[in-house]
N, C-alpha and C. Protein backbone atom coordinates (compact mmCIF):
# COMPACT_ATOMS: atom_id res chain seq x y z
N MET A 1 0.78 -1.01 -0.05
CA MET A 1 -0.30 -0.11 -0.11
C MET A 1 0.76 1.26 0.04
N SER A 2 0.45 1.92 -0.96
CA SER A 2 1.39 2.99 -1.00
C SER A 2 0.83 4.39 -1.52
N THR A 3 1.23 5.64 -1.05
CA THR A 3 0.64 6.68 -2.07
C THR A 3 1.85 7.73 -2.36
N ILE A 4 1.44 8.82 -3.32
CA ILE A 4 2.25 9.95 -4.00
C ILE A 4 1.25 10.66 -4.39
N THR A 5 1.46 12.00 -4.17
CA THR A 5 0.88 13.48 -4.82
C THR A 5 2.08 14.35 -4.86
N ARG A 6 1.87 15.05 -5.87
CA ARG A 6 2.40 16.19 -6.04
C ARG A 6 2.00 17.60 -6.19
N GLY A 7 2.38 18.21 -5.68
CA GLY A 7 1.89 19.85 -5.43
C GLY A 7 2.82 20.81 -5.83
N GLY A 8 2.89 21.61 -6.47
CA GLY A 8 3.93 22.74 -6.59
C GLY A 8 5.34 21.87 -6.47
N PRO A 9 6.05 22.63 -5.49
CA PRO A 9 7.13 22.22 -5.42
C PRO A 9 7.66 21.27 -4.72
N PHE A 10 6.72 20.20 -4.30
CA PHE A 10 6.79 19.29 -3.18
C PHE A 10 6.02 18.26 -3.81
N ALA A 11 6.91 16.82 -3.16
CA ALA A 11 6.23 15.66 -3.66
C ALA A 11 5.88 15.23 -2.17
N TYR A 12 4.93 14.13 -1.98
CA TYR A 12 4.63 13.75 -0.73
C TYR A 12 4.44 12.32 -1.18
N ALA A 13 5.24 11.37 -0.35
CA ALA A 13 4.92 9.89 -0.53
C ALA A 13 4.98 9.10 0.46
N SER A 14 4.09 7.79 0.83
CA SER A 14 4.22 7.16 2.08
C SER A 14 3.77 5.75 1.55
N SER A 15 4.79 4.99 2.20
CA SER A 15 4.39 3.26 1.97
C SER A 15 4.60 2.82 3.39
N LEU A 16 4.04 1.12 3.06
CA LEU A 16 4.77 0.13 4.09
C LEU A 16 4.67 -1.01 3.27
N ALA A 17 5.29 -1.88 3.66
CA ALA A 17 5.28 -3.38 3.20
C ALA A 17 3.94 -4.07 3.34
N ILE A 18 3.24 -4.13 3.11
CA ILE A 18 2.06 -4.64 3.20
C ILE A 18 1.45 -5.28 1.60
N ASP A 19 0.90 -6.31 1.90
CA ASP A 19 0.16 -6.75 0.52
C ASP A 19 -1.47 -6.77 0.92
N VAL A 20 -1.72 -5.83 -0.28
CA VAL A 20 -2.77 -5.16 -0.25
C VAL A 20 -4.30 -6.19 -0.34
N VAL A 21 -4.04 -7.22 -0.80
CA VAL A 21 -4.79 -8.45 -0.93
C VAL A 21 -5.16 -8.97 0.33
N THR A 22 -3.91 -9.44 1.11
CA THR A 22 -4.29 -10.10 2.63
C THR A 22 -4.17 -9.34 3.68
N MET A 23 -3.23 -8.14 3.49
CA MET A 23 -3.60 -6.99 4.18
C MET A 23 -2.22 -7.50 5.25
N SER A 24 -1.64 -8.10 4.84
CA SER A 24 -0.40 -8.71 5.87
C SER A 24 0.86 -8.30 5.53
N LEU A 25 1.87 -8.17 6.34
CA LEU A 25 3.41 -8.22 5.68
C LEU A 25 3.84 -8.51 4.58
N VAL A 26 4.59 -8.22 3.70
CA VAL A 26 4.95 -9.15 2.73
C VAL A 26 5.88 -10.21 3.25
N PRO A 27 6.31 -11.18 2.51
CA PRO A 27 7.39 -12.26 3.05
C PRO A 27 8.66 -11.48 2.86
N GLU A 28 9.02 -11.13 2.32
CA GLU A 28 10.31 -10.38 2.04
C GLU A 28 10.93 -9.21 3.12
N ALA A 29 9.84 -9.08 3.90
CA ALA A 29 10.01 -8.06 4.90
C ALA A 29 10.04 -8.96 6.15
N ASP A 30 11.14 -9.85 6.05
CA ASP A 30 11.50 -10.66 7.33
C ASP A 30 12.22 -10.22 8.39
N THR A 31 12.56 -9.32 8.31
CA THR A 31 13.42 -8.33 9.67
C THR A 31 13.06 -6.87 9.43
N VAL A 32 13.21 -6.10 10.36
CA VAL A 32 12.89 -5.05 10.47
C VAL A 32 13.67 -3.90 9.39
N ARG A 33 15.03 -4.65 9.15
CA ARG A 33 15.70 -3.96 8.46
C ARG A 33 15.48 -4.07 6.97
N ASN A 34 15.04 -5.36 6.53
CA ASN A 34 14.54 -5.53 5.60
C ASN A 34 13.33 -5.00 4.95
N GLU A 35 12.40 -4.67 6.12
CA GLU A 35 11.16 -4.21 5.94
C GLU A 35 11.34 -2.55 5.56
N THR A 36 12.39 -1.84 6.61
CA THR A 36 12.79 -0.58 6.09
C THR A 36 13.26 -0.30 4.76
N ARG A 37 14.12 -1.02 4.12
CA ARG A 37 14.17 -1.33 3.05
C ARG A 37 13.76 -1.00 2.04
N LEU A 38 12.61 -2.33 2.25
CA LEU A 38 11.42 -2.71 1.26
C LEU A 38 10.67 -1.05 1.02
N VAL A 39 10.41 -0.33 2.12
CA VAL A 39 9.10 0.65 2.15
C VAL A 39 9.82 1.43 1.47
N PHE A 40 11.47 2.01 1.70
CA PHE A 40 12.16 3.17 1.03
C PHE A 40 12.18 2.66 -0.65
N ASP A 41 12.44 1.59 -0.73
CA ASP A 41 12.42 1.03 -2.06
C ASP A 41 11.06 1.51 -3.03
N ARG A 42 10.00 1.03 -2.16
CA ARG A 42 8.62 1.83 -2.63
C ARG A 42 8.49 2.94 -2.94
N ILE A 43 8.88 3.73 -1.70
CA ILE A 43 8.81 5.18 -1.77
C ILE A 43 9.78 5.96 -2.78
N THR A 44 11.32 5.29 -3.14
CA THR A 44 12.02 5.68 -4.29
C THR A 44 10.93 5.53 -5.66
N ALA A 45 10.27 4.10 -5.89
CA ALA A 45 9.66 4.53 -7.23
C ALA A 45 8.79 5.40 -7.39
N GLN A 46 7.64 5.35 -5.99
CA GLN A 46 6.97 6.55 -6.02
C GLN A 46 7.41 7.80 -6.44
N LEU A 47 8.60 8.32 -6.07
CA LEU A 47 9.05 9.66 -5.85
C LEU A 47 9.55 9.54 -7.31
N GLU A 48 10.04 8.89 -7.90
CA GLU A 48 10.75 8.52 -9.40
C GLU A 48 9.60 8.86 -10.26
N SER A 49 8.28 8.35 -9.96
CA SER A 49 7.24 8.52 -11.19
C SER A 49 6.82 10.15 -11.01
N LYS A 50 7.18 10.91 -10.18
CA LYS A 50 7.01 12.27 -9.96
C LYS A 50 8.16 13.41 -10.53
N GLY A 51 9.25 12.74 -10.51
CA GLY A 51 10.08 13.32 -11.20
C GLY A 51 11.20 13.82 -10.00
N ALA A 52 11.41 12.94 -8.98
CA ALA A 52 11.88 13.25 -7.55
C ALA A 52 12.60 12.00 -7.15
N SER A 53 13.76 12.18 -6.17
CA SER A 53 14.30 11.31 -5.51
C SER A 53 14.86 11.23 -4.20
N LEU A 54 15.05 10.08 -3.58
CA LEU A 54 15.49 10.14 -2.16
C LEU A 54 16.05 11.41 -1.90
N GLY A 55 17.26 11.47 -2.60
CA GLY A 55 17.92 12.45 -2.54
C GLY A 55 17.30 14.44 -2.34
N ASP A 56 16.15 14.41 -2.25
CA ASP A 56 15.14 15.60 -2.83
C ASP A 56 14.35 15.27 -1.49
N VAL A 57 14.77 14.28 -0.66
CA VAL A 57 13.70 14.29 0.50
C VAL A 57 14.37 15.16 1.61
N ILE A 58 13.20 16.25 2.20
CA ILE A 58 13.78 16.87 3.02
C ILE A 58 13.22 16.59 4.66
N LYS A 59 11.97 15.76 4.58
CA LYS A 59 11.28 15.35 5.94
C LYS A 59 11.07 14.27 5.85
N THR A 60 10.97 13.41 6.88
CA THR A 60 10.39 11.85 6.76
C THR A 60 9.34 11.88 8.26
N THR A 61 8.38 10.94 8.06
CA THR A 61 7.76 10.74 9.16
C THR A 61 7.35 9.22 9.23
N CYS A 62 8.21 8.46 10.41
CA CYS A 62 8.24 7.37 10.61
C CYS A 62 7.78 6.68 11.80
N TYR A 63 6.82 5.65 11.47
CA TYR A 63 6.22 4.97 12.23
C TYR A 63 6.39 3.70 12.51
N LEU A 64 6.41 3.19 13.81
CA LEU A 64 7.10 1.89 14.07
C LEU A 64 5.98 1.31 14.98
N ARG A 65 5.62 0.07 15.25
CA ARG A 65 4.92 -0.42 15.98
C ARG A 65 5.15 -0.81 17.38
N ASP A 66 6.43 -0.85 17.38
CA ASP A 66 7.26 -1.30 18.80
C ASP A 66 8.38 -0.56 19.16
N GLU A 67 8.74 0.24 20.20
CA GLU A 67 10.15 0.89 20.46
C GLU A 67 10.96 -0.32 20.23
N SER A 68 10.93 -1.45 20.44
CA SER A 68 12.12 -2.17 20.38
C SER A 68 12.65 -2.16 18.90
N TYR A 69 12.05 -2.03 17.85
CA TYR A 69 12.40 -2.04 16.89
C TYR A 69 13.22 -0.87 16.43
N LEU A 70 13.39 -0.04 16.87
CA LEU A 70 14.05 1.28 16.92
C LEU A 70 15.64 1.30 16.45
N ALA A 71 16.32 0.31 17.09
CA ALA A 71 17.95 0.17 16.58
C ALA A 71 18.01 -0.13 15.40
N GLU A 72 17.23 -1.35 15.14
CA GLU A 72 17.32 -1.52 13.97
C GLU A 72 16.91 -0.82 12.67
N PHE A 73 15.84 -0.32 13.07
CA PHE A 73 14.87 0.82 12.06
C PHE A 73 15.98 1.76 11.71
N VAL A 74 16.60 2.41 12.80
CA VAL A 74 17.79 3.32 12.68
C VAL A 74 18.84 3.27 12.15
N GLN A 75 19.42 1.78 11.97
CA GLN A 75 20.32 1.60 11.32
C GLN A 75 19.97 1.25 9.88
N ALA A 76 18.94 1.00 9.42
CA ALA A 76 18.72 0.70 7.93
C ALA A 76 18.06 2.00 7.47
N TYR A 77 17.58 2.82 8.09
CA TYR A 77 17.49 4.30 7.77
C TYR A 77 18.81 4.94 7.48
N ASP A 78 19.81 4.90 8.36
CA ASP A 78 21.09 5.38 8.25
C ASP A 78 21.63 4.86 6.65
N GLU A 79 21.43 3.58 6.40
CA GLU A 79 21.91 3.66 5.23
C GLU A 79 21.42 3.87 3.95
N VAL A 80 20.07 4.22 4.04
CA VAL A 80 19.25 4.86 3.13
C VAL A 80 19.65 6.28 2.65
N PHE A 81 20.20 7.07 4.06
CA PHE A 81 20.11 8.34 3.75
C PHE A 81 21.61 8.78 4.14
N GLN A 82 22.75 8.21 3.46
CA GLN A 82 24.32 8.42 3.74
C GLN A 82 24.47 9.84 3.53
N SER A 83 24.17 10.72 2.11
CA SER A 83 24.54 11.46 1.70
C SER A 83 24.11 12.72 2.63
N HIS A 84 22.75 12.50 2.95
CA HIS A 84 22.37 13.97 3.45
C HIS A 84 21.10 13.37 4.69
N SER A 85 21.06 14.34 5.55
CA SER A 85 19.79 14.03 6.71
C SER A 85 18.90 14.72 6.78
N PRO A 86 17.47 14.03 6.25
CA PRO A 86 16.56 15.15 6.58
C PRO A 86 15.79 15.38 7.74
N ALA A 87 15.13 16.18 8.28
CA ALA A 87 14.17 16.24 9.06
C ALA A 87 13.81 14.86 9.41
N THR A 88 13.51 14.39 10.65
CA THR A 88 12.92 13.05 10.96
C THR A 88 12.20 13.10 12.51
N HIS A 89 11.19 12.50 11.89
CA HIS A 89 10.02 12.38 13.55
C HIS A 89 9.73 11.01 13.05
N ILE A 90 9.95 10.07 14.60
CA ILE A 90 9.67 9.03 15.03
C ILE A 90 8.38 8.65 15.71
N ALA A 91 7.57 8.26 15.38
CA ALA A 91 6.71 7.51 16.57
C ALA A 91 6.18 6.28 16.66
N ILE A 92 5.76 6.02 17.64
CA ILE A 92 5.22 4.53 18.18
C ILE A 92 4.37 4.54 18.33
N LEU A 93 3.33 3.36 17.35
CA LEU A 93 2.07 3.32 17.20
C LEU A 93 1.69 2.01 16.49
N GLY A 94 0.49 2.03 16.60
CA GLY A 94 0.08 0.69 15.77
C GLY A 94 -0.06 1.03 14.25
N ILE A 95 0.28 -0.09 13.56
CA ILE A 95 0.40 0.43 11.78
C ILE A 95 -0.76 -1.12 11.20
N ALA A 96 -1.24 -1.04 10.13
CA ALA A 96 -1.88 -1.85 9.54
C ALA A 96 -1.08 -2.81 9.11
N GLY A 97 -2.18 -4.04 9.50
CA GLY A 97 -1.91 -5.47 9.14
C GLY A 97 -0.72 -5.90 10.11
N ASN A 98 0.17 -6.37 10.02
CA ASN A 98 1.19 -6.87 10.94
C ASN A 98 2.59 -6.17 10.78
N CYS A 99 2.26 -4.82 9.86
CA CYS A 99 3.68 -4.49 9.49
C CYS A 99 3.96 -3.53 10.59
N ARG A 100 5.75 -3.55 10.60
CA ARG A 100 6.42 -3.00 11.72
C ARG A 100 6.66 -1.30 11.33
N VAL A 101 6.90 -0.94 10.31
CA VAL A 101 7.25 0.08 9.61
C VAL A 101 6.36 0.74 8.77
N GLN A 102 5.92 1.89 9.05
CA GLN A 102 5.74 2.74 7.84
C GLN A 102 6.11 4.12 7.93
N ILE A 103 6.26 4.65 6.64
CA ILE A 103 7.00 5.85 6.37
C ILE A 103 6.46 6.84 5.40
N GLU A 104 6.39 7.96 5.74
CA GLU A 104 5.93 9.27 5.02
C GLU A 104 7.05 10.02 4.52
N VAL A 105 7.43 10.74 3.53
CA VAL A 105 8.04 11.91 3.14
C VAL A 105 7.94 12.81 2.16
N VAL A 106 8.67 13.71 2.42
CA VAL A 106 8.02 15.22 1.72
C VAL A 106 9.52 15.19 1.14
N ALA A 107 9.16 15.38 -0.45
CA ALA A 107 10.64 15.96 -1.08
C ALA A 107 10.19 17.07 -2.04
N THR A 108 11.25 17.77 -2.10
CA THR A 108 11.10 19.32 -2.91
C THR A 108 11.46 18.75 -4.49
N ARG A 109 11.22 19.84 -5.07
CA ARG A 109 11.40 19.73 -6.90
C ARG A 109 12.84 18.87 -6.77
N THR A 110 13.40 18.07 -8.24
CA THR A 110 14.73 18.25 -8.20
C THR A 110 15.22 19.57 -8.66
N PRO A 111 16.94 19.40 -8.93
CA PRO A 111 17.07 20.81 -8.77
C PRO A 111 17.42 21.46 -10.38
N ALA A 112 16.86 20.09 -11.25
CA ALA A 112 16.64 21.05 -12.78
C ALA A 112 15.54 21.54 -12.66
N GLU A 113 14.28 21.07 -11.99
CA GLU A 113 13.13 22.33 -11.91
C GLU A 113 12.82 23.28 -10.95
N ARG A 114 13.82 23.27 -10.01
CA ARG A 114 13.87 24.26 -9.25
C ARG A 114 14.60 25.53 -9.61
N ASP A 115 13.61 26.91 -9.70
CA ASP A 115 14.30 28.23 -10.12
C ASP A 115 14.98 28.76 -8.12
N GLU A 116 16.31 28.60 -8.30
CA GLU A 116 16.78 28.89 -6.98
C GLU A 116 16.02 30.25 -6.21
N HIS A 117 15.95 30.92 -7.69
CA HIS A 117 15.43 32.51 -6.90
C HIS A 117 14.35 32.98 -6.56
N ALA A 118 13.23 31.90 -7.07
CA ALA A 118 11.84 31.93 -7.10
C ALA A 118 11.27 31.63 -5.57
N PRO A 119 10.55 32.29 -5.06
CA PRO A 119 9.90 31.98 -3.75
C PRO A 119 9.10 30.77 -3.85
N ILE A 120 9.13 29.89 -2.64
CA ILE A 120 8.47 28.77 -2.30
C ILE A 120 7.14 29.11 -2.00
N PRO A 121 5.96 29.02 -2.63
CA PRO A 121 4.81 29.27 -2.20
C PRO A 121 4.42 28.42 -1.18
N SER A 122 3.25 28.66 -0.63
CA SER A 122 2.88 27.82 0.60
C SER A 122 2.49 26.68 0.14
N ALA A 123 2.17 25.25 0.92
CA ALA A 123 1.87 23.98 0.79
C ALA A 123 -0.15 24.09 0.19
N VAL A 124 -0.29 25.17 0.84
CA VAL A 124 -2.02 25.35 0.59
C VAL A 124 -2.41 25.96 -0.83
N ASN A 125 -1.45 26.88 -1.21
CA ASN A 125 -1.78 27.24 -2.34
C ASN A 125 -1.27 26.48 -3.82
N THR A 126 -0.08 25.41 -3.11
CA THR A 126 0.61 24.90 -4.51
C THR A 126 -0.11 23.59 -4.69
N LEU A 127 -1.03 23.12 -3.72
CA LEU A 127 -1.68 21.75 -4.24
C LEU A 127 -2.60 22.01 -5.71
N ASP A 128 -2.53 21.11 -6.37
CA ASP A 128 -3.25 20.86 -7.78
C ASP A 128 -4.12 19.70 -7.09
N PRO A 129 -5.70 19.75 -7.21
CA PRO A 129 -6.58 18.63 -7.22
C PRO A 129 -5.98 17.52 -8.11
N LYS A 130 -5.68 18.12 -9.39
CA LYS A 130 -5.68 16.88 -10.41
C LYS A 130 -4.73 16.34 -10.34
N GLU A 131 -3.52 16.68 -9.62
CA GLU A 131 -2.48 16.05 -9.49
C GLU A 131 -2.48 14.91 -8.42
N SER A 132 -3.27 14.76 -7.55
CA SER A 132 -3.87 13.91 -6.46
C SER A 132 -4.49 12.75 -6.96
N GLN A 133 -5.05 12.96 -8.40
CA GLN A 133 -5.74 11.82 -8.66
C GLN A 133 -5.14 10.38 -8.52
């Protein structure tokens, strides 16, 4: 289960390692590390479909089902973001199915699309309902 939308200079993506037919964790997500990697693989594909990449991510919100997963999650997370550190928020709460990890990201436009001198409009003013369908 994944979502992606693009509004103005931002792309918003989220994913978890769930099989939407069974609403259960996919078998290849056998460890928290592998689950985290799979979620980021899905988010990468989503961002690329909107012309962005993980290098454009400026903020992540990460949900873990249990605090005991934190160390393994952080290790996998740090492997993904080796070149930069987006602002990050981690919360412990229930997640759909038997998933242990859910991640949401906010990415900026890719450098080729960005006009460094143009003001960044507020997200409220830049959301295009046609792009979120």
